[in-house]
Amino acid sequence: MGGMSTIKRVYNRVASAALKNRVSELRRWVRRFSSDPEKIRLAIERNCRLKTQLKGKQRIEVAFFIMREAGWKYDSLFELLRRDERFSPYVVVCPFKKEDEKTRIEILLHTQDAFRQKGYEVITPYDIASGEWLDLRKTIQPDLIFWGFPYNGQTDDIYFIEAFPESLSCYVPYFFGSVTCRWAFDLLFHNMVWKLFCETPYHYEMYKKKSRLKGQNVSVTGYPPADCFVQKEQHSNFRWKKEGLLRLIWAPHHSIEKGGYSNFLRFADEMQAIAAQYNDRIQIVFKPHPQLRFKLYDLKVWDKERIDQYYDSWNQLENGMLWEWEYVDLFNTSDALMHDSGSFTIEYLYTLKPVYYFTGRNRVKDLNQFGKIAYDLHYQGETREQLLQFIEQVIHGEDPRLEERKAFYDRYLLPPNGQTAARNIYDKLCSYL
């Protein structure tokens, strides 16, 4: 036993990120044909039993499991549930496994405070007095769980789906599906949840085609994080640094490894130089993908001191900011987005504002047809000159692709039934229970 532990420690320390990814992929495929089928069968049986037990229950306890504020997608649904006396919703903040202990606690406490400021009931598995992580299974027994993350290994096993077999699990995709990859539609998680509420009829067809359940647990409801855009809600919780300057967002993806599509390393210094060049006309919020910092740590492209200094330096700019938290208000108050992300390819189109995509890496090869249509609505480029052309265009109020984005919004992005995605999910839950 000790020998295996030693081997595992050595492997974790010396194996490259590419090797770890290949090994993880091999393990997933082995599980897919060995243990997964039985787990899926048992989950289906359990879900049927639990649904029957819940039918007509007077008070249903609903837990929303989340790891960080930036991944929260459920505001509109949470509000509907807490206004209905049949439901008792609360938020559970879980630790992100890849962070060091100090950072885990800092982010957990920040996220906890953010939800408490909304007036939500919040439970965290960390005891500040003793410094111990708690097993929540001893203190809560939710009837329903809405998961904010689908990946095994992101948090500790005791805070993930298989640790709560007596709860009906539900899921709204944490990102608007723009890819063809099987991991977006057919993880073990996707096939174990009781109900999966997806974005559009196109995405439902993707689950039918790719998931082992053939989409039997999937319903089309729309995308709840976009409800505030659909309803034209204006929030005022985000404060830009400068009044009167154009408000731009730079949101680089985390895939900086070989074969990835992030242009962060190429444009990291360039973006700050552009901010300085246009300091009297624009301001830029650096909104990195939540995993970018940890990918930089893991791959050791820069040393930790340089990484942290770079992130901190954005707040030192006269017309720059770092923002790593919930982004709805950020989107709502911005004038344009520059990115190479996945979900933002579609999500920002809800705002109808100009958006630029960094095309330096081959992004299109993994996009599904829906994602390709959205991608083609972006202004695109891979050079500094092309980016500056986009910025000048936004400064002068020029947006020749606006009508195309409006047509896409009307045709694809509005949720079904003439109501919000959250309302569709709420109505589904009421009909099931």
Protein backbone atom coordinates (compact mmCIF):
# COMPACT_ATOMS: atom_id res chain seq x y z
CA MET A 1 0.00 0.00 0.00
CA GLY A 2 2.82 2.37 0.93
CA GLY A 3 4.61 1.53 -2.31
CA MET A 4 1.57 2.48 -4.39
CA SER A 5 1.23 5.76 -2.48
CA THR A 6 4.86 6.57 -3.19
CA ILE A 7 4.43 5.81 -6.89
CA LYS A 8 1.35 8.03 -7.02
CA ARG A 9 3.16 10.93 -5.33
CA VAL A 10 6.11 10.63 -7.73
CA TYR A 11 3.75 10.44 -10.72
CA ASN A 12 1.84 13.54 -9.62
CA ARG A 13 5.10 15.42 -9.14
CA VAL A 14 7.03 14.52 -12.29
CA ALA A 15 4.44 13.57 -14.93
CA SER A 16 3.77 16.23 -17.57
CA ALA A 17 0.33 17.74 -17.96
CA ALA A 18 0.03 16.08 -21.39
CA LEU A 19 0.81 12.64 -19.91
CA LYS A 20 -1.68 13.16 -17.08
CA ASN A 21 -4.36 14.11 -19.60
CA ARG A 22 -3.68 10.98 -21.67
CA VAL A 23 -3.77 8.75 -18.61
CA SER A 24 -7.02 10.35 -17.42
CA GLU A 25 -8.57 9.84 -20.85
CA LEU A 26 -7.53 6.17 -20.84
CA ARG A 27 -9.06 5.69 -17.39
CA ARG A 28 -12.30 7.29 -18.55
CA TRP A 29 -12.56 4.90 -21.48
CA VAL A 30 -11.87 1.88 -19.25
CA ARG A 31 -14.58 3.02 -16.82
CA ARG A 32 -16.97 3.70 -19.72
CA PHE A 33 -17.12 -0.03 -20.53
CA SER A 34 -16.53 -1.49 -17.08
CA SER A 35 -18.09 0.25 -14.06
CA ASP A 36 -20.12 3.03 -15.74
CA PRO A 37 -22.98 0.91 -17.16
CA GLU A 38 -23.85 -0.53 -13.75
CA LYS A 39 -23.67 2.91 -12.11
CA ILE A 40 -26.02 4.34 -14.73
CA ARG A 41 -28.47 1.45 -14.32
CA LEU A 42 -28.55 1.86 -10.54
CA ALA A 43 -28.95 5.65 -10.87
CA ILE A 44 -32.01 5.22 -13.12
CA GLU A 45 -33.60 2.84 -10.61
CA ARG A 46 -32.81 5.18 -7.71
CA ASN A 47 -34.17 8.22 -9.54
CA CYS A 48 -37.48 6.46 -10.20
CA ARG A 49 -37.79 5.47 -6.53
CA LEU A 50 -36.84 8.91 -5.22
CA LYS A 51 -39.24 10.69 -7.56
CA THR A 52 -42.09 8.50 -6.32
CA GLN A 53 -41.16 9.24 -2.71
CA LEU A 54 -41.10 12.99 -3.37
CA LYS A 55 -44.40 13.14 -5.25
CA GLY A 56 -46.68 15.42 -3.28
CA LYS A 57 -44.19 16.10 -0.48
CA GLN A 58 -45.17 19.34 1.26
CA ARG A 59 -41.65 20.76 1.66
CA ILE A 60 -38.82 19.97 -0.78
CA GLU A 61 -35.25 20.80 0.21
CA VAL A 62 -33.21 22.01 -2.78
CA ALA A 63 -29.42 22.38 -2.54
CA PHE A 64 -27.39 24.24 -5.18
CA PHE A 65 -23.80 22.98 -5.16
CA ILE A 66 -21.26 25.51 -6.44
CA MET A 67 -17.49 25.99 -6.20
CA ARG A 68 -17.09 29.68 -6.96
CA GLU A 69 -19.20 32.72 -7.63
CA ALA A 70 -18.13 32.93 -11.29
CA GLY A 71 -19.71 29.52 -11.94
CA TRP A 72 -23.13 30.45 -10.54
CA LYS A 73 -25.91 30.04 -13.13
CA TYR A 74 -29.03 29.81 -11.02
CA ASP A 75 -30.07 33.25 -9.68
CA SER A 76 -33.39 33.43 -11.54
CA LEU A 77 -34.33 29.83 -10.67
CA PHE A 78 -33.29 30.23 -7.03
CA GLU A 79 -35.54 33.27 -6.71
CA LEU A 80 -38.53 31.39 -8.13
CA LEU A 81 -38.01 28.49 -5.75
CA ARG A 82 -37.65 30.56 -2.62
CA ARG A 83 -40.87 32.42 -3.43
CA ASP A 84 -42.73 29.07 -3.46
CA GLU A 85 -43.43 27.71 0.02
CA ARG A 86 -43.15 24.14 -1.28
CA PHE A 87 -39.41 24.58 -1.81
CA SER A 88 -36.60 25.33 0.62
CA PRO A 89 -33.52 26.30 -1.45
CA TYR A 90 -29.99 26.97 -0.20
CA VAL A 91 -26.47 27.20 -1.61
CA VAL A 92 -23.64 24.79 -0.77
CA VAL A 93 -20.15 26.14 -1.49
CA CYS A 94 -17.62 23.36 -2.22
CA PRO A 95 -13.81 23.67 -2.33
CA PHE A 96 -11.97 23.58 -5.67
CA LYS A 97 -9.55 20.66 -5.40
CA LYS A 98 -6.75 22.09 -7.54
CA GLU A 99 -6.16 25.13 -5.37
CA ASP A 100 -3.71 25.29 -2.51
CA GLU A 101 -5.28 25.27 0.96
CA LYS A 102 -5.00 29.02 1.53
CA THR A 103 -6.58 29.89 -1.83
CA ARG A 104 -9.32 27.27 -1.40
CA ILE A 105 -10.40 28.87 1.84
CA GLU A 106 -10.15 32.44 0.51
CA ILE A 107 -12.32 31.68 -2.54
CA LEU A 108 -14.78 29.65 -0.49
CA LEU A 109 -15.24 32.49 2.01
CA HIS A 110 -15.54 35.09 -0.77
CA THR A 111 -18.18 32.97 -2.53
CA GLN A 112 -20.02 32.39 0.74
CA ASP A 113 -20.13 36.12 1.45
CA ALA A 114 -21.30 36.92 -2.11
CA PHE A 115 -24.34 34.66 -1.73
CA ARG A 116 -25.12 35.88 1.76
CA GLN A 117 -25.20 39.42 0.40
CA LYS A 118 -27.94 38.23 -1.96
CA GLY A 119 -29.89 37.08 1.11
CA TYR A 120 -29.43 33.36 0.31
CA GLU A 121 -28.99 30.66 2.92
CA VAL A 122 -25.44 29.34 2.50
CA ILE A 123 -23.74 26.20 3.82
CA THR A 124 -19.99 25.66 3.62
CA PRO A 125 -18.07 22.50 4.56
CA TYR A 126 -15.31 24.41 6.33
CA ASP A 127 -15.10 25.05 10.07
CA ILE A 128 -13.11 28.26 10.57
CA ALA A 129 -12.60 27.65 14.28
CA SER A 130 -11.03 24.20 13.89
CA GLY A 131 -9.65 24.61 10.36
CA GLU A 132 -11.30 21.33 9.34
CA TRP A 133 -13.24 20.33 6.23
CA LEU A 134 -16.57 18.75 7.10
CA ASP A 135 -18.51 15.84 5.62
CA LEU A 136 -21.80 17.49 4.63
CA ARG A 137 -23.57 14.16 4.36
CA LYS A 138 -23.79 14.18 8.15
CA THR A 139 -25.61 17.52 8.28
CA ILE A 140 -27.78 17.90 5.16
CA GLN A 141 -30.09 15.57 3.24
CA PRO A 142 -31.42 17.52 0.24
CA ASP A 143 -34.29 16.15 -1.79
CA LEU A 144 -32.97 17.81 -4.95
CA ILE A 145 -29.47 18.91 -5.85
CA PHE A 146 -28.69 21.31 -8.70
CA TRP A 147 -25.04 20.86 -9.62
CA GLY A 148 -22.89 23.77 -10.79
CA PHE A 149 -20.12 21.52 -12.14
CA PRO A 150 -20.15 18.17 -14.00
CA TYR A 151 -16.54 17.00 -13.66
CA ASN A 152 -15.31 14.35 -11.27
CA GLY A 153 -12.09 15.42 -9.55
CA GLN A 154 -12.75 19.17 -9.43
CA THR A 155 -13.87 18.97 -5.82
CA ASP A 156 -13.44 16.28 -3.17
CA ASP A 157 -15.44 13.10 -3.77
CA ILE A 158 -17.58 13.66 -0.67
CA TYR A 159 -19.03 16.79 -2.32
CA PHE A 160 -19.93 15.21 -5.67
CA ILE A 161 -22.88 13.35 -7.16
CA GLU A 162 -22.03 9.77 -6.10
CA ALA A 163 -21.78 10.89 -2.47
CA PHE A 164 -25.50 11.82 -2.49
CA PRO A 165 -27.34 8.75 -3.82
CA GLU A 166 -30.54 9.63 -1.92
CA SER A 167 -30.94 12.99 -3.66
CA LEU A 168 -32.43 13.60 -7.09
CA SER A 169 -29.73 15.37 -9.11
CA CYS A 170 -30.43 18.07 -11.68
CA TYR A 171 -28.09 19.98 -13.96
CA VAL A 172 -28.00 23.04 -16.17
CA PRO A 173 -24.82 23.06 -18.33
CA TYR A 174 -22.26 25.39 -16.79
CA PHE A 175 -21.41 26.68 -20.28
CA PHE A 176 -23.51 27.22 -23.39
CA GLY A 177 -22.63 24.20 -25.51
CA SER A 178 -20.62 25.21 -28.56
CA VAL A 179 -18.49 22.08 -29.02
CA THR A 180 -18.88 18.58 -30.44
CA CYS A 181 -16.72 16.89 -27.77
CA ARG A 182 -18.22 13.89 -26.00
CA TRP A 183 -17.21 15.26 -22.59
CA ALA A 184 -19.80 18.02 -23.08
CA PHE A 185 -22.67 15.55 -23.49
CA ASP A 186 -21.77 12.06 -22.25
CA LEU A 187 -19.86 12.07 -18.99
CA LEU A 188 -20.98 9.53 -16.40
CA PHE A 189 -22.44 12.55 -14.60
CA HIS A 190 -24.72 13.45 -17.55
CA ASN A 191 -26.16 9.94 -17.49
CA MET A 192 -26.65 9.76 -13.72
CA VAL A 193 -28.58 13.00 -13.18
CA TRP A 194 -32.34 12.73 -12.90
CA LYS A 195 -33.07 15.79 -15.08
CA LEU A 196 -30.79 17.79 -17.36
CA PHE A 197 -32.17 21.11 -18.58
CA CYS A 198 -30.52 22.12 -21.85
CA GLU A 199 -30.20 25.26 -23.92
CA THR A 200 -31.94 24.71 -27.28
CA PRO A 201 -33.54 21.99 -29.45
CA TYR A 202 -30.17 21.70 -31.23
CA HIS A 203 -28.47 20.76 -27.94
CA TYR A 204 -31.20 18.25 -27.16
CA GLU A 205 -30.39 16.52 -30.46
CA MET A 206 -26.71 16.47 -29.44
CA TYR A 207 -27.60 14.65 -26.21
CA LYS A 208 -29.76 12.20 -28.17
CA LYS A 209 -26.86 11.52 -30.49
CA LYS A 210 -23.98 11.40 -28.01
CA SER A 211 -25.19 10.47 -24.52
CA ARG A 212 -25.61 6.85 -23.45
CA LEU A 213 -29.15 7.63 -22.28
CA LYS A 214 -29.89 9.11 -25.72
CA GLY A 215 -31.25 12.26 -24.12
CA GLN A 216 -33.99 10.47 -22.15
CA ASN A 217 -33.32 12.66 -19.08
CA VAL A 218 -32.99 15.92 -21.06
CA SER A 219 -35.54 18.75 -21.44
CA VAL A 220 -35.21 21.94 -23.51
CA THR A 221 -35.76 24.95 -21.27
CA GLY A 222 -33.35 27.66 -22.41
CA TYR A 223 -30.26 28.89 -20.59
CA PRO A 224 -30.98 30.40 -17.12
CA PRO A 225 -27.83 32.56 -16.89
CA ALA A 226 -29.11 34.51 -19.88
CA ASP A 227 -32.53 35.27 -18.37
CA CYS A 228 -31.35 38.68 -17.20
CA PHE A 229 -30.36 39.53 -20.78
CA VAL A 230 -33.63 38.24 -22.23
CA GLN A 231 -35.58 40.30 -19.69
CA LYS A 232 -33.36 43.33 -20.33
CA GLU A 233 -32.53 43.57 -16.63
CA GLN A 234 -29.94 46.16 -15.72
CA HIS A 235 -27.86 45.51 -12.63
CA SER A 236 -25.61 48.04 -10.95
CA ASN A 237 -23.39 45.83 -8.79
CA PHE A 238 -20.34 46.15 -11.05
CA ARG A 239 -18.37 49.39 -10.95
CA TRP A 240 -15.96 50.27 -13.73
CA LYS A 241 -12.85 52.18 -12.75
CA LYS A 242 -13.31 55.26 -14.96
CA GLU A 243 -16.35 57.27 -15.90
CA GLY A 244 -16.73 58.29 -19.53
CA LEU A 245 -14.31 55.77 -21.08
CA LEU A 246 -15.37 52.94 -23.40
CA ARG A 247 -15.74 49.70 -21.41
CA LEU A 248 -14.02 46.65 -22.93
CA ILE A 249 -13.58 43.12 -21.55
CA TRP A 250 -10.65 40.82 -22.34
CA ALA A 251 -11.55 37.21 -21.47
CA PRO A 252 -8.79 34.72 -22.38
CA HIS A 253 -9.39 30.97 -22.13
CA HIS A 254 -7.27 28.61 -20.03
CA SER A 255 -6.16 26.20 -22.80
CA ILE A 256 -2.58 27.48 -23.06
CA GLU A 257 -1.09 23.99 -23.46
CA LYS A 258 0.09 22.65 -26.81
CA GLY A 259 -2.95 22.15 -29.03
CA GLY A 260 -5.06 24.55 -26.95
CA TYR A 261 -6.75 27.60 -28.38
CA SER A 262 -6.02 30.30 -25.80
CA ASN A 263 -4.04 33.30 -27.03
CA PHE A 264 -3.27 34.50 -23.52
CA LEU A 265 0.50 34.03 -23.64
CA ARG A 266 0.72 35.79 -26.98
CA PHE A 267 -1.35 38.83 -25.95
CA ALA A 268 -0.68 39.12 -22.20
CA ASP A 269 1.78 42.01 -22.49
CA GLU A 270 0.19 43.34 -25.67
CA MET A 271 -3.17 43.94 -24.00
CA GLN A 272 -1.60 46.05 -21.28
CA ALA A 273 0.31 48.01 -23.91
CA ILE A 274 -2.96 48.65 -25.77
CA ALA A 275 -4.59 49.79 -22.53
CA ALA A 276 -1.74 52.28 -22.07
CA GLN A 277 -1.93 53.42 -25.70
CA TYR A 278 -5.67 54.17 -25.40
CA ASN A 279 -5.70 55.28 -21.77
CA ASP A 280 -7.77 58.38 -22.54
CA ARG A 281 -10.41 56.53 -24.57
CA ILE A 282 -10.91 52.97 -23.26
CA GLN A 283 -10.73 50.90 -20.09
CA ILE A 284 -10.20 47.14 -20.06
CA VAL A 285 -11.35 44.55 -17.53
CA PHE A 286 -9.14 41.45 -17.55
CA LYS A 287 -11.63 38.58 -17.04
CA PRO A 288 -9.58 35.37 -17.24
CA HIS A 289 -11.14 31.93 -17.27
CA PRO A 290 -11.24 30.70 -13.64
CA GLN A 291 -8.82 27.88 -14.47
CA LEU A 292 -6.24 30.01 -16.29
CA ARG A 293 -4.22 30.95 -13.21
CA PHE A 294 -3.99 27.30 -12.10
CA LYS A 295 -3.10 26.13 -15.62
CA LEU A 296 -0.27 28.66 -15.60
CA TYR A 297 0.90 27.29 -12.25
CA ASP A 298 0.72 23.66 -13.45
CA LEU A 299 2.47 24.16 -16.79
CA LYS A 300 5.14 26.40 -15.24
CA VAL A 301 5.35 28.56 -18.35
CA TRP A 302 5.93 31.44 -15.94
CA ASP A 303 7.02 31.17 -12.33
CA LYS A 304 4.37 31.69 -9.65
CA GLU A 305 5.66 35.13 -8.69
CA ARG A 306 5.36 36.39 -12.26
CA ILE A 307 1.86 34.92 -12.64
CA ASP A 308 0.57 36.56 -9.48
CA GLN A 309 2.29 39.85 -10.32
CA TYR A 310 0.70 39.86 -13.77
CA TYR A 311 -2.80 39.32 -12.38
CA ASP A 312 -2.28 41.99 -9.70
CA SER A 313 -0.81 44.45 -12.21
CA TRP A 314 -4.18 44.87 -13.94
CA ASN A 315 -5.56 46.60 -10.88
CA GLN A 316 -2.56 48.95 -10.90
CA LEU A 317 -3.38 50.25 -14.38
CA GLU A 318 -5.07 53.64 -14.53
CA ASN A 319 -7.66 52.22 -16.94
CA GLY A 320 -7.51 48.49 -16.13
CA MET A 321 -9.05 46.02 -13.70
CA LEU A 322 -8.91 42.32 -12.79
CA TRP A 323 -12.27 40.60 -12.33
CA GLU A 324 -12.55 36.89 -11.42
CA TRP A 325 -16.11 36.69 -10.12
CA GLU A 326 -19.68 36.57 -11.44
CA TYR A 327 -19.83 38.26 -14.83
CA VAL A 328 -23.51 39.04 -15.57
CA ASP A 329 -23.22 42.63 -14.36
CA LEU A 330 -19.87 42.95 -16.11
CA PHE A 331 -21.44 41.91 -19.43
CA ASN A 332 -24.48 44.13 -18.89
CA THR A 333 -22.41 47.26 -18.29
CA SER A 334 -19.75 46.65 -20.96
CA ASP A 335 -19.50 48.01 -24.50
CA ALA A 336 -17.65 45.10 -26.16
CA LEU A 337 -15.88 41.79 -25.50
CA MET A 338 -12.55 40.41 -26.79
CA HIS A 339 -12.04 36.69 -26.11
CA ASP A 340 -11.15 33.19 -27.24
CA SER A 341 -13.50 31.35 -24.89
CA GLY A 342 -16.07 28.64 -25.55
CA SER A 343 -19.27 29.53 -23.74
CA PHE A 344 -18.79 33.29 -24.21
CA THR A 345 -18.91 32.65 -27.97
CA ILE A 346 -22.65 32.32 -27.48
CA GLU A 347 -23.36 33.94 -24.12
CA TYR A 348 -22.17 37.42 -25.04
CA LEU A 349 -24.41 37.40 -28.12
CA TYR A 350 -27.35 37.82 -25.74
CA THR A 351 -26.15 41.39 -25.11
CA LEU A 352 -26.20 42.21 -28.86
CA LYS A 353 -22.94 44.14 -28.34
CA PRO A 354 -19.83 43.92 -30.58
CA VAL A 355 -17.56 40.94 -29.89
CA TYR A 356 -14.09 40.01 -31.18
CA TYR A 357 -12.54 36.54 -31.38
CA PHE A 358 -8.78 35.84 -31.32
CA THR A 359 -8.27 33.33 -34.14
CA GLY A 360 -4.57 32.57 -33.70
CA ARG A 361 -5.27 28.95 -32.74
CA ASN A 362 -7.51 26.47 -34.58
CA ARG A 363 -10.73 26.98 -32.65
CA VAL A 364 -13.21 25.91 -35.31
CA LYS A 365 -12.30 22.21 -35.44
CA ASP A 366 -14.06 21.39 -32.12
CA LEU A 367 -17.11 23.62 -32.63
CA ASN A 368 -20.51 22.11 -33.32
CA GLN A 369 -22.76 23.65 -35.97
CA PHE A 370 -24.44 25.93 -33.43
CA GLY A 371 -21.05 27.12 -32.20
CA LYS A 372 -19.82 27.74 -35.74
CA ILE A 373 -22.81 29.96 -36.53
CA ALA A 374 -22.14 31.98 -33.37
CA TYR A 375 -18.41 32.11 -34.09
CA ASP A 376 -19.05 33.51 -37.58
CA LEU A 377 -20.95 36.43 -36.02
CA HIS A 378 -17.76 37.63 -34.31
CA TYR A 379 -15.28 40.15 -35.63
CA GLN A 380 -12.14 38.06 -35.93
CA GLY A 381 -8.39 38.41 -36.17
CA GLU A 382 -5.02 37.15 -34.98
CA THR A 383 -2.78 40.21 -35.16
CA ARG A 384 -2.37 43.35 -33.11
CA GLU A 385 -3.43 45.44 -36.09
CA GLN A 386 -6.70 43.53 -36.51
CA LEU A 387 -7.46 43.93 -32.80
CA LEU A 388 -6.77 47.67 -32.95
CA GLN A 389 -9.07 47.93 -35.96
CA PHE A 390 -11.86 46.37 -33.88
CA ILE A 391 -11.19 48.73 -30.96
CA GLU A 392 -11.24 51.77 -33.25
CA GLN A 393 -14.48 50.52 -34.76
CA VAL A 394 -16.10 50.26 -31.32
CA ILE A 395 -14.77 53.68 -30.32
CA HIS A 396 -16.46 55.21 -33.37
CA GLY A 397 -19.74 53.33 -32.83
CA GLU A 398 -19.41 51.24 -35.99
CA ASP A 399 -21.02 47.79 -35.85
CA PRO A 400 -21.89 46.44 -39.31
CA ARG A 401 -22.73 42.93 -37.97
CA LEU A 402 -25.38 44.09 -35.50
CA GLU A 403 -28.37 43.04 -37.61
CA GLU A 404 -26.91 39.55 -38.12
CA ARG A 405 -26.52 39.14 -34.35
CA LYS A 406 -30.10 40.32 -33.80
CA ALA A 407 -31.36 37.71 -36.27
CA PHE A 408 -29.39 34.97 -34.48
CA TYR A 409 -30.77 36.12 -31.13
CA ASP A 410 -34.37 36.00 -32.36
CA ARG A 411 -34.00 32.65 -34.09
CA TYR A 412 -31.88 30.65 -31.63
CA LEU A 413 -31.42 32.28 -28.22
CA LEU A 414 -34.91 33.05 -26.94
CA PRO A 415 -36.10 30.32 -24.52
CA PRO A 416 -39.21 28.26 -25.42
CA ASN A 417 -42.80 28.88 -24.29
CA GLY A 418 -42.45 32.67 -24.36
CA GLN A 419 -41.01 32.76 -20.85
CA THR A 420 -37.66 32.63 -19.09
CA ALA A 421 -35.50 29.51 -18.90
CA ALA A 422 -35.81 29.56 -15.11
CA ARG A 423 -39.60 29.60 -15.35
CA ASN A 424 -39.48 26.66 -17.75
CA ILE A 425 -37.35 24.68 -15.29
CA TYR A 426 -39.57 25.66 -12.37
CA ASP A 427 -42.69 24.56 -14.27
CA LYS A 428 -41.03 21.24 -15.13
CA LEU A 429 -40.15 20.60 -11.48
CA CYS A 430 -43.69 21.40 -10.37
CA SER A 431 -45.13 19.00 -12.96
CA TYR A 432 -42.72 16.20 -11.96
CA LEU A 433 -43.19 16.59 -8.21
